[in-house]
Amino acid sequence: MIGQNICALPHRLNRVVAHLLTRLYPRAWRERYGEEFEALLQDGRGGLRTAANVLWSALREHIFPTRGGDMDRQINSFGAIIRRPSAFLPLAMSLTALAMLLGAIVHGYVAGYGVVRETDEGAIAHLWQLLMAGQMPILAFFAIKWLPRAPRQTLYVIALQAGAALASMAPVFFLNL
């Protein structure tokens, strides 16, 4: 026994050490998994390696909490769905198109030209068209993927995307650009 590696010995953690190691985890995690985890530590193989692993895992759980720190948060909530690239990219594209349009209008008024109408529409008009048309396939993918999974939240996101697209189209319509 003297020549054997201490980590290879089949130790069991005593009740107090298992409880202290479990207390290292965040409260929400302990409320959900604490009893089972403590029992696992008491009944399973223990030792220095297990204690180091639990310590590292508890630290990671504090830094990167399971499911964003809210153990009961639904995966298909509005906040979770809006963070999906297929949900926020059309929003970002519409808002970028709006920002470009408003920037061109402001630049025209500051330079003293007012709203400039070019014969070839100009680069900003072409970029606006690409951004507005480019979001349609992404929006279709989003609707096809998420409407069956979370219909109400998906419709809210689509309504938000439609509002952003309409906000980007409004200056074009009202200023006859």
N, C-alpha and C. Protein backbone atom coordinates (compact mmCIF):
# COMPACT_ATOMS: atom_id res chain seq x y z
N MET A 1 0.81 -1.20 0.00
CA MET A 1 0.00 0.00 0.00
C MET A 1 0.85 1.26 0.00
N ILE A 2 2.00 1.22 0.55
CA ILE A 2 2.81 2.41 0.65
C ILE A 2 3.26 2.86 -0.73
N GLY A 3 3.54 1.95 -1.65
CA GLY A 3 4.04 2.32 -2.96
C GLY A 3 2.93 2.66 -3.96
N GLN A 4 1.67 2.48 -3.60
CA GLN A 4 0.58 2.73 -4.54
C GLN A 4 0.26 4.22 -4.63
N ASN A 5 -0.28 4.59 -5.78
CA ASN A 5 -0.70 5.97 -6.01
C ASN A 5 -1.93 6.27 -5.16
N ILE A 6 -1.94 7.39 -4.47
CA ILE A 6 -3.05 7.73 -3.58
C ILE A 6 -4.35 7.97 -4.36
N CYS A 7 -4.24 8.44 -5.62
CA CYS A 7 -5.44 8.68 -6.43
C CYS A 7 -6.06 7.38 -6.90
N ALA A 8 -5.31 6.28 -6.94
CA ALA A 8 -5.82 5.02 -7.44
C ALA A 8 -6.54 4.23 -6.35
N LEU A 9 -6.38 4.62 -5.10
CA LEU A 9 -7.03 3.90 -4.01
C LEU A 9 -8.54 4.15 -4.02
N PRO A 10 -9.34 3.12 -3.79
CA PRO A 10 -10.80 3.29 -3.78
C PRO A 10 -11.28 3.90 -2.47
N HIS A 11 -11.18 5.17 -2.33
CA HIS A 11 -11.64 5.87 -1.12
C HIS A 11 -13.11 6.23 -1.28
N ARG A 12 -13.74 6.42 -0.17
CA ARG A 12 -15.08 6.99 -0.15
C ARG A 12 -15.01 8.29 0.64
N LEU A 13 -15.72 9.29 0.12
CA LEU A 13 -15.73 10.56 0.83
C LEU A 13 -16.68 10.44 2.01
N ASN A 14 -16.27 10.98 3.15
CA ASN A 14 -17.18 10.93 4.28
C ASN A 14 -18.30 11.94 4.10
N ARG A 15 -19.29 11.85 4.93
CA ARG A 15 -20.50 12.65 4.81
C ARG A 15 -20.22 14.14 4.88
N VAL A 16 -19.34 14.58 5.76
CA VAL A 16 -19.05 15.99 5.95
C VAL A 16 -18.33 16.56 4.72
N VAL A 17 -17.34 15.84 4.21
CA VAL A 17 -16.60 16.31 3.04
C VAL A 17 -17.52 16.37 1.82
N ALA A 18 -18.38 15.36 1.65
CA ALA A 18 -19.32 15.36 0.53
C ALA A 18 -20.28 16.55 0.63
N HIS A 19 -20.72 16.86 1.85
CA HIS A 19 -21.62 18.01 2.04
C HIS A 19 -20.90 19.32 1.74
N LEU A 20 -19.66 19.45 2.19
CA LEU A 20 -18.89 20.67 1.93
C LEU A 20 -18.61 20.85 0.44
N LEU A 21 -18.28 19.76 -0.24
CA LEU A 21 -18.03 19.87 -1.68
C LEU A 21 -19.31 20.23 -2.43
N THR A 22 -20.43 19.73 -2.00
CA THR A 22 -21.70 20.06 -2.63
C THR A 22 -22.04 21.53 -2.40
N ARG A 23 -21.68 22.06 -1.24
CA ARG A 23 -21.96 23.46 -0.92
C ARG A 23 -21.15 24.43 -1.79
N LEU A 24 -20.15 23.96 -2.50
CA LEU A 24 -19.37 24.82 -3.39
C LEU A 24 -20.17 25.26 -4.62
N TYR A 25 -21.20 24.50 -4.96
CA TYR A 25 -22.01 24.81 -6.15
C TYR A 25 -22.99 25.94 -5.86
N PRO A 26 -23.46 26.64 -6.90
CA PRO A 26 -24.45 27.71 -6.70
C PRO A 26 -25.75 27.16 -6.11
N ARG A 27 -26.50 28.03 -5.46
CA ARG A 27 -27.72 27.63 -4.76
C ARG A 27 -28.74 26.97 -5.70
N ALA A 28 -28.97 27.56 -6.88
CA ALA A 28 -29.95 26.99 -7.81
C ALA A 28 -29.55 25.59 -8.23
N TRP A 29 -28.27 25.37 -8.44
CA TRP A 29 -27.78 24.05 -8.81
C TRP A 29 -27.98 23.07 -7.65
N ARG A 30 -27.65 23.51 -6.44
CA ARG A 30 -27.80 22.63 -5.26
C ARG A 30 -29.24 22.26 -5.01
N GLU A 31 -30.15 23.24 -5.22
CA GLU A 31 -31.56 22.95 -4.98
C GLU A 31 -32.06 21.88 -5.93
N ARG A 32 -31.52 21.86 -7.14
CA ARG A 32 -31.99 20.88 -8.12
C ARG A 32 -31.26 19.55 -8.02
N TYR A 33 -29.94 19.58 -7.84
CA TYR A 33 -29.14 18.36 -7.90
C TYR A 33 -28.45 18.00 -6.58
N GLY A 34 -28.53 18.83 -5.58
CA GLY A 34 -27.70 18.68 -4.38
C GLY A 34 -27.80 17.35 -3.68
N GLU A 35 -29.01 16.88 -3.38
CA GLU A 35 -29.16 15.63 -2.63
C GLU A 35 -28.59 14.44 -3.39
N GLU A 36 -28.91 14.36 -4.67
CA GLU A 36 -28.40 13.25 -5.48
C GLU A 36 -26.89 13.31 -5.59
N PHE A 37 -26.37 14.50 -5.79
CA PHE A 37 -24.93 14.65 -5.96
C PHE A 37 -24.19 14.30 -4.66
N GLU A 38 -24.73 14.74 -3.56
CA GLU A 38 -24.10 14.42 -2.28
C GLU A 38 -24.11 12.92 -2.01
N ALA A 39 -25.23 12.27 -2.34
CA ALA A 39 -25.30 10.81 -2.18
C ALA A 39 -24.31 10.12 -3.11
N LEU A 40 -24.16 10.62 -4.32
CA LEU A 40 -23.20 10.06 -5.26
C LEU A 40 -21.78 10.19 -4.73
N LEU A 41 -21.47 11.35 -4.16
CA LEU A 41 -20.13 11.54 -3.60
C LEU A 41 -19.88 10.60 -2.42
N GLN A 42 -20.89 10.38 -1.61
CA GLN A 42 -20.72 9.51 -0.45
C GLN A 42 -20.59 8.04 -0.85
N ASP A 43 -21.31 7.62 -1.88
CA ASP A 43 -21.33 6.21 -2.25
C ASP A 43 -20.28 5.84 -3.30
N GLY A 44 -19.88 6.79 -4.11
CA GLY A 44 -18.96 6.50 -5.21
C GLY A 44 -17.52 6.51 -4.77
N ARG A 45 -16.64 6.35 -5.76
CA ARG A 45 -15.21 6.42 -5.48
C ARG A 45 -14.83 7.83 -5.13
N GLY A 46 -14.15 8.00 -4.07
CA GLY A 46 -13.73 9.32 -3.64
C GLY A 46 -12.23 9.46 -3.72
N GLY A 47 -11.75 10.52 -3.13
CA GLY A 47 -10.32 10.71 -3.09
C GLY A 47 -9.94 12.10 -3.57
N LEU A 48 -8.67 12.29 -3.71
CA LEU A 48 -8.14 13.59 -4.08
C LEU A 48 -8.57 13.99 -5.50
N ARG A 49 -8.53 13.04 -6.42
CA ARG A 49 -8.91 13.34 -7.80
C ARG A 49 -10.39 13.73 -7.88
N THR A 50 -11.24 13.04 -7.17
CA THR A 50 -12.67 13.37 -7.17
C THR A 50 -12.91 14.74 -6.56
N ALA A 51 -12.24 15.04 -5.46
CA ALA A 51 -12.40 16.34 -4.82
C ALA A 51 -11.94 17.47 -5.74
N ALA A 52 -10.81 17.26 -6.45
CA ALA A 52 -10.33 18.28 -7.38
C ALA A 52 -11.31 18.46 -8.54
N ASN A 53 -11.86 17.36 -9.03
CA ASN A 53 -12.83 17.43 -10.12
C ASN A 53 -14.09 18.18 -9.68
N VAL A 54 -14.58 17.90 -8.49
CA VAL A 54 -15.77 18.59 -7.97
C VAL A 54 -15.48 20.07 -7.77
N LEU A 55 -14.31 20.39 -7.26
CA LEU A 55 -13.93 21.78 -7.06
C LEU A 55 -13.89 22.53 -8.40
N TRP A 56 -13.28 21.93 -9.40
CA TRP A 56 -13.22 22.55 -10.73
C TRP A 56 -14.61 22.70 -11.33
N SER A 57 -15.45 21.68 -11.22
CA SER A 57 -16.80 21.74 -11.77
C SER A 57 -17.65 22.80 -11.07
N ALA A 58 -17.49 22.94 -9.77
CA ALA A 58 -18.23 23.96 -9.03
C ALA A 58 -17.81 25.36 -9.47
N LEU A 59 -16.52 25.54 -9.69
CA LEU A 59 -16.03 26.83 -10.17
C LEU A 59 -16.59 27.14 -11.56
N ARG A 60 -16.58 26.15 -12.45
CA ARG A 60 -17.15 26.34 -13.79
C ARG A 60 -18.64 26.65 -13.70
N GLU A 61 -19.36 26.03 -12.78
CA GLU A 61 -20.79 26.26 -12.65
C GLU A 61 -21.07 27.69 -12.19
N HIS A 62 -20.18 28.25 -11.39
CA HIS A 62 -20.33 29.66 -10.98
C HIS A 62 -20.06 30.60 -12.15
N ILE A 63 -19.07 30.26 -12.97
CA ILE A 63 -18.70 31.13 -14.09
C ILE A 63 -19.66 30.97 -15.26
N PHE A 64 -19.96 29.73 -15.61
CA PHE A 64 -20.86 29.41 -16.73
C PHE A 64 -22.02 28.59 -16.20
N PRO A 65 -23.03 29.23 -15.63
CA PRO A 65 -24.12 28.48 -15.01
C PRO A 65 -24.90 27.64 -16.02
N THR A 66 -25.42 26.55 -15.54
CA THR A 66 -26.25 25.69 -16.36
C THR A 66 -27.47 26.46 -16.84
N ARG A 67 -27.67 26.49 -18.16
CA ARG A 67 -28.79 27.19 -18.79
C ARG A 67 -28.89 28.63 -18.33
N GLY A 68 -27.81 29.33 -18.30
CA GLY A 68 -27.83 30.75 -18.01
C GLY A 68 -28.11 31.10 -16.56
N GLY A 69 -28.00 30.18 -15.67
CA GLY A 69 -28.20 30.45 -14.26
C GLY A 69 -29.63 30.27 -13.79
N ASP A 70 -30.58 30.15 -14.69
CA ASP A 70 -31.97 29.96 -14.31
C ASP A 70 -32.31 28.52 -14.63
N MET A 71 -32.35 27.69 -13.63
CA MET A 71 -32.52 26.27 -13.84
C MET A 71 -33.88 25.92 -14.43
N ASP A 72 -34.88 26.76 -14.22
CA ASP A 72 -36.22 26.46 -14.68
C ASP A 72 -36.59 27.20 -15.96
N ARG A 73 -35.65 27.93 -16.54
CA ARG A 73 -35.95 28.70 -17.75
C ARG A 73 -36.24 27.74 -18.90
N GLN A 74 -37.25 28.06 -19.66
CA GLN A 74 -37.61 27.22 -20.79
C GLN A 74 -36.67 27.50 -21.95
N ILE A 75 -36.32 26.44 -22.66
CA ILE A 75 -35.42 26.57 -23.79
C ILE A 75 -36.11 27.32 -24.93
N ASN A 76 -37.42 27.20 -25.04
CA ASN A 76 -38.16 27.84 -26.13
C ASN A 76 -38.80 29.15 -25.70
N SER A 77 -38.23 29.85 -24.76
CA SER A 77 -38.77 31.15 -24.36
C SER A 77 -38.44 32.18 -25.42
N PHE A 78 -39.10 33.33 -25.36
CA PHE A 78 -38.87 34.40 -26.33
C PHE A 78 -37.40 34.82 -26.30
N GLY A 79 -36.86 34.99 -25.10
CA GLY A 79 -35.46 35.41 -24.97
C GLY A 79 -34.48 34.41 -25.56
N ALA A 80 -34.78 33.12 -25.41
CA ALA A 80 -33.89 32.10 -25.97
C ALA A 80 -34.01 32.04 -27.49
N ILE A 81 -35.22 32.21 -28.00
CA ILE A 81 -35.42 32.13 -29.45
C ILE A 81 -34.84 33.35 -30.15
N ILE A 82 -34.99 34.53 -29.57
CA ILE A 82 -34.49 35.75 -30.23
C ILE A 82 -32.97 35.74 -30.33
N ARG A 83 -32.30 34.95 -29.51
CA ARG A 83 -30.84 34.86 -29.56
C ARG A 83 -30.34 33.94 -30.67
N ARG A 84 -31.23 33.21 -31.30
CA ARG A 84 -30.85 32.34 -32.41
C ARG A 84 -30.45 33.20 -33.61
N PRO A 85 -29.40 32.82 -34.32
CA PRO A 85 -28.98 33.63 -35.47
C PRO A 85 -30.08 33.82 -36.51
N SER A 86 -30.89 32.80 -36.74
CA SER A 86 -31.94 32.95 -37.74
C SER A 86 -33.03 33.90 -37.28
N ALA A 87 -33.06 34.25 -36.00
CA ALA A 87 -34.03 35.21 -35.49
C ALA A 87 -33.46 36.63 -35.49
N PHE A 88 -32.22 36.79 -35.03
CA PHE A 88 -31.72 38.16 -34.91
C PHE A 88 -31.05 38.69 -36.17
N LEU A 89 -30.63 37.82 -37.09
CA LEU A 89 -30.01 38.32 -38.32
C LEU A 89 -30.97 39.15 -39.17
N PRO A 90 -32.22 38.72 -39.40
CA PRO A 90 -33.13 39.60 -40.15
C PRO A 90 -33.37 40.93 -39.44
N LEU A 91 -33.45 40.91 -38.12
CA LEU A 91 -33.60 42.16 -37.37
C LEU A 91 -32.38 43.06 -37.59
N ALA A 92 -31.21 42.47 -37.49
CA ALA A 92 -29.98 43.25 -37.67
C ALA A 92 -29.88 43.78 -39.10
N MET A 93 -30.31 42.98 -40.06
CA MET A 93 -30.25 43.43 -41.46
C MET A 93 -31.21 44.59 -41.70
N SER A 94 -32.43 44.51 -41.15
CA SER A 94 -33.40 45.61 -41.31
C SER A 94 -32.91 46.88 -40.64
N LEU A 95 -32.37 46.73 -39.43
CA LEU A 95 -31.90 47.91 -38.71
C LEU A 95 -30.66 48.51 -39.37
N THR A 96 -29.81 47.67 -39.96
CA THR A 96 -28.66 48.18 -40.71
C THR A 96 -29.12 48.94 -41.94
N ALA A 97 -30.11 48.40 -42.65
CA ALA A 97 -30.65 49.10 -43.83
C ALA A 97 -31.25 50.44 -43.42
N LEU A 98 -31.97 50.46 -42.31
CA LEU A 98 -32.56 51.71 -41.82
C LEU A 98 -31.47 52.71 -41.44
N ALA A 99 -30.44 52.25 -40.76
CA ALA A 99 -29.35 53.14 -40.36
C ALA A 99 -28.63 53.71 -41.57
N MET A 100 -28.41 52.89 -42.59
CA MET A 100 -27.76 53.40 -43.81
C MET A 100 -28.62 54.46 -44.47
N LEU A 101 -29.91 54.20 -44.55
CA LEU A 101 -30.82 55.14 -45.18
C LEU A 101 -30.87 56.46 -44.43
N LEU A 102 -31.02 56.36 -43.11
CA LEU A 102 -31.08 57.59 -42.30
C LEU A 102 -29.75 58.33 -42.33
N GLY A 103 -28.65 57.59 -42.36
CA GLY A 103 -27.34 58.22 -42.47
C GLY A 103 -27.19 59.00 -43.77
N ALA A 104 -27.69 58.42 -44.86
CA ALA A 104 -27.61 59.11 -46.16
C ALA A 104 -28.50 60.35 -46.17
N ILE A 105 -29.66 60.25 -45.55
CA ILE A 105 -30.58 61.40 -45.50
C ILE A 105 -29.97 62.53 -44.66
N VAL A 106 -29.44 62.18 -43.50
CA VAL A 106 -28.82 63.18 -42.63
C VAL A 106 -27.61 63.80 -43.33
N HIS A 107 -26.81 62.98 -43.98
CA HIS A 107 -25.64 63.49 -44.69
C HIS A 107 -26.07 64.46 -45.80
N GLY A 108 -27.14 64.13 -46.49
CA GLY A 108 -27.63 65.02 -47.55
C GLY A 108 -28.09 66.36 -47.01
N TYR A 109 -28.77 66.36 -45.88
CA TYR A 109 -29.23 67.62 -45.29
C TYR A 109 -28.07 68.42 -44.71
N VAL A 110 -27.10 67.74 -44.09
CA VAL A 110 -25.95 68.45 -43.53
C VAL A 110 -25.11 69.07 -44.65
N ALA A 111 -24.96 68.37 -45.76
CA ALA A 111 -24.18 68.87 -46.88
C ALA A 111 -24.94 69.93 -47.68
N GLY A 112 -26.22 70.09 -47.40
CA GLY A 112 -27.00 71.11 -48.07
C GLY A 112 -27.71 70.64 -49.32
N TYR A 113 -27.68 69.35 -49.60
CA TYR A 113 -28.32 68.84 -50.80
C TYR A 113 -29.77 68.40 -50.55
N GLY A 114 -30.10 68.12 -49.32
CA GLY A 114 -31.42 67.56 -49.01
C GLY A 114 -31.43 66.09 -49.36
N VAL A 115 -32.58 65.58 -49.73
CA VAL A 115 -32.68 64.18 -50.14
C VAL A 115 -32.21 64.09 -51.58
N VAL A 116 -31.15 63.32 -51.79
CA VAL A 116 -30.54 63.22 -53.12
C VAL A 116 -31.16 62.03 -53.85
N ARG A 117 -31.65 62.30 -55.06
CA ARG A 117 -32.18 61.24 -55.91
C ARG A 117 -31.24 61.09 -57.10
N GLU A 118 -30.62 59.94 -57.19
CA GLU A 118 -29.67 59.69 -58.26
C GLU A 118 -30.35 58.91 -59.38
N THR A 119 -29.86 59.05 -60.59
CA THR A 119 -30.46 58.33 -61.72
C THR A 119 -30.22 56.83 -61.63
N ASP A 120 -29.07 56.46 -61.08
CA ASP A 120 -28.73 55.05 -60.97
C ASP A 120 -29.05 54.50 -59.58
N GLU A 121 -29.81 55.18 -58.79
CA GLU A 121 -30.18 54.82 -57.42
C GLU A 121 -29.04 54.95 -56.43
N GLY A 122 -27.85 54.65 -56.79
CA GLY A 122 -26.71 54.80 -55.89
C GLY A 122 -26.40 53.53 -55.10
N ALA A 123 -25.23 53.54 -54.48
CA ALA A 123 -24.75 52.37 -53.76
C ALA A 123 -25.60 52.07 -52.53
N ILE A 124 -26.05 53.10 -51.83
CA ILE A 124 -26.84 52.87 -50.63
C ILE A 124 -28.16 52.21 -50.97
N ALA A 125 -28.76 52.61 -52.07
CA ALA A 125 -30.02 51.98 -52.49
C ALA A 125 -29.80 50.52 -52.84
N HIS A 126 -28.70 50.21 -53.50
CA HIS A 126 -28.41 48.81 -53.84
C HIS A 126 -28.15 47.98 -52.58
N LEU A 127 -27.39 48.52 -51.67
CA LEU A 127 -27.14 47.81 -50.41
C LEU A 127 -28.43 47.61 -49.63
N TRP A 128 -29.29 48.63 -49.61
CA TRP A 128 -30.58 48.52 -48.92
C TRP A 128 -31.40 47.39 -49.53
N GLN A 129 -31.43 47.32 -50.86
CA GLN A 129 -32.18 46.26 -51.53
C GLN A 129 -31.62 44.88 -51.22
N LEU A 130 -30.29 44.78 -51.22
CA LEU A 130 -29.67 43.49 -50.88
C LEU A 130 -29.98 43.07 -49.45
N LEU A 131 -29.91 44.01 -48.52
CA LEU A 131 -30.20 43.68 -47.13
C LEU A 131 -31.66 43.28 -46.94
N MET A 132 -32.56 43.99 -47.58
CA MET A 132 -33.98 43.69 -47.41
C MET A 132 -34.36 42.37 -48.08
N ALA A 133 -33.80 42.10 -49.26
CA ALA A 133 -34.11 40.84 -49.94
C ALA A 133 -33.35 39.67 -49.31
N GLY A 134 -32.16 39.92 -48.81
CA GLY A 134 -31.34 38.86 -48.23
C GLY A 134 -31.89 38.29 -46.94
N GLN A 135 -32.72 39.03 -46.26
CA GLN A 135 -33.26 38.52 -45.00
C GLN A 135 -34.45 37.58 -45.22
N MET A 136 -35.03 37.59 -46.40
CA MET A 136 -36.21 36.74 -46.65
C MET A 136 -35.93 35.25 -46.51
N PRO A 137 -34.84 34.71 -47.12
CA PRO A 137 -34.59 33.27 -46.92
C PRO A 137 -34.29 32.92 -45.45
N ILE A 138 -33.61 33.82 -44.75
CA ILE A 138 -33.30 33.57 -43.34
C ILE A 138 -34.60 33.57 -42.53
N LEU A 139 -35.47 34.50 -42.84
CA LEU A 139 -36.77 34.58 -42.15
C LEU A 139 -37.62 33.36 -42.45
N ALA A 140 -37.60 32.89 -43.70
CA ALA A 140 -38.36 31.68 -44.06
C ALA A 140 -37.81 30.46 -43.31
N PHE A 141 -36.48 30.34 -43.23
CA PHE A 141 -35.87 29.24 -42.47
C PHE A 141 -36.29 29.30 -41.01
N PHE A 142 -36.23 30.49 -40.43
CA PHE A 142 -36.62 30.65 -39.03
C PHE A 142 -38.07 30.22 -38.81
N ALA A 143 -38.96 30.66 -39.67
CA ALA A 143 -40.38 30.33 -39.52
C ALA A 143 -40.62 28.83 -39.66
N ILE A 144 -39.98 28.22 -40.64
CA ILE A 144 -40.16 26.78 -40.86
C ILE A 144 -39.63 25.98 -39.67
N LYS A 145 -38.51 26.40 -39.14
CA LYS A 145 -37.90 25.65 -38.04
C LYS A 145 -38.62 25.85 -36.72
N TRP A 146 -39.01 27.09 -36.39
CA TRP A 146 -39.47 27.38 -35.05
C TRP A 146 -40.99 27.45 -34.87
N LEU A 147 -41.76 27.64 -35.92
CA LEU A 147 -43.22 27.69 -35.75
C LEU A 147 -43.78 26.39 -35.16
N PRO A 148 -43.34 25.21 -35.60
CA PRO A 148 -43.87 23.99 -34.98
C PRO A 148 -43.41 23.80 -33.53
N ARG A 149 -42.24 24.30 -33.18
CA ARG A 149 -41.68 24.08 -31.84
C ARG A 149 -42.24 25.03 -30.79
N ALA A 150 -42.32 26.31 -31.13
CA ALA A 150 -42.79 27.33 -30.18
C ALA A 150 -43.58 28.37 -30.96
N PRO A 151 -44.84 28.09 -31.29
CA PRO A 151 -45.58 28.98 -32.20
C PRO A 151 -45.77 30.40 -31.67
N ARG A 152 -46.15 30.56 -30.42
CA ARG A 152 -46.42 31.90 -29.91
C ARG A 152 -45.17 32.77 -29.87
N GLN A 153 -44.08 32.23 -29.35
CA GLN A 153 -42.84 32.98 -29.28
C GLN A 153 -42.30 33.29 -30.67
N THR A 154 -42.47 32.35 -31.60
CA THR A 154 -42.01 32.55 -32.97
C THR A 154 -42.81 33.67 -33.64
N LEU A 155 -44.10 33.71 -33.41
CA LEU A 155 -44.92 34.78 -33.99
C LEU A 155 -44.53 36.14 -33.42
N TYR A 156 -44.16 36.19 -32.15
CA TYR A 156 -43.68 37.45 -31.57
C TYR A 156 -42.40 37.91 -32.27
N VAL A 157 -41.48 36.98 -32.50
CA VAL A 157 -40.22 37.32 -33.16
C VAL A 157 -40.49 37.77 -34.60
N ILE A 158 -41.38 37.07 -35.29
CA ILE A 158 -41.71 37.44 -36.67
C ILE A 158 -42.36 38.82 -36.71
N ALA A 159 -43.22 39.12 -35.72
CA ALA A 159 -43.83 40.45 -35.66
C ALA A 159 -42.76 41.52 -35.43
N LEU A 160 -41.79 41.23 -34.58
CA LEU A 160 -40.69 42.16 -34.34
C LEU A 160 -39.87 42.37 -35.61
N GLN A 161 -39.63 41.28 -36.34
CA GLN A 161 -38.89 41.38 -37.58
C GLN A 161 -39.68 42.18 -38.63
N ALA A 162 -40.99 41.95 -38.69
CA ALA A 162 -41.83 42.70 -39.63
C ALA A 162 -41.82 44.19 -39.28
N GLY A 163 -41.87 44.51 -37.99
CA GLY A 163 -41.80 45.91 -37.57
C GLY A 163 -40.50 46.57 -37.98
N ALA A 164 -39.39 45.84 -37.81
CA ALA A 164 -38.08 46.39 -38.21
C ALA A 164 -38.01 46.58 -39.72
N ALA A 165 -38.57 45.64 -40.47
CA ALA A 165 -38.57 45.77 -41.94
C ALA A 165 -39.44 46.95 -42.37
N LEU A 166 -40.60 47.10 -41.75
CA LEU A 166 -41.47 48.24 -42.08
C LEU A 166 -40.82 49.57 -41.70
N ALA A 167 -40.10 49.60 -40.59
CA ALA A 167 -39.40 50.82 -40.19
C ALA A 167 -38.34 51.18 -41.21
N SER A 168 -37.70 50.16 -41.80
CA SER A 168 -36.71 50.43 -42.82
C SER A 168 -37.34 50.86 -44.15
N MET A 169 -38.54 50.37 -44.41
CA MET A 169 -39.22 50.72 -45.67
C MET A 169 -39.93 52.08 -45.60
N ALA A 170 -40.25 52.55 -44.42
CA ALA A 170 -41.01 53.78 -44.27
C ALA A 170 -40.33 55.00 -44.90
N PRO A 171 -39.03 55.22 -44.65
CA PRO A 171 -38.40 56.39 -45.29
C PRO A 171 -38.43 56.30 -46.82
N VAL A 172 -38.28 55.12 -47.35
CA VAL A 172 -38.30 54.94 -48.80
C VAL A 172 -39.68 55.32 -49.34
N PHE A 173 -40.72 54.90 -48.65
CA PHE A 173 -42.07 55.19 -49.11
C PHE A 173 -42.43 56.67 -48.93
N PHE A 174 -42.19 57.19 -47.74
CA PHE A 174 -42.63 58.56 -47.45
C PHE A 174 -41.77 59.63 -48.13
N LEU A 175 -40.52 59.34 -48.39
CA LEU A 175 -39.65 60.32 -49.04
C LEU A 175 -39.49 60.04 -50.54
N ASN A 176 -40.22 59.05 -51.03
CA ASN A 176 -40.17 58.68 -52.45
C ASN A 176 -38.74 58.47 -52.93
N LEU A 177 -37.99 57.67 -52.20
CA LEU A 177 -36.60 57.42 -52.58
C LEU A 177 -36.49 56.30 -53.58
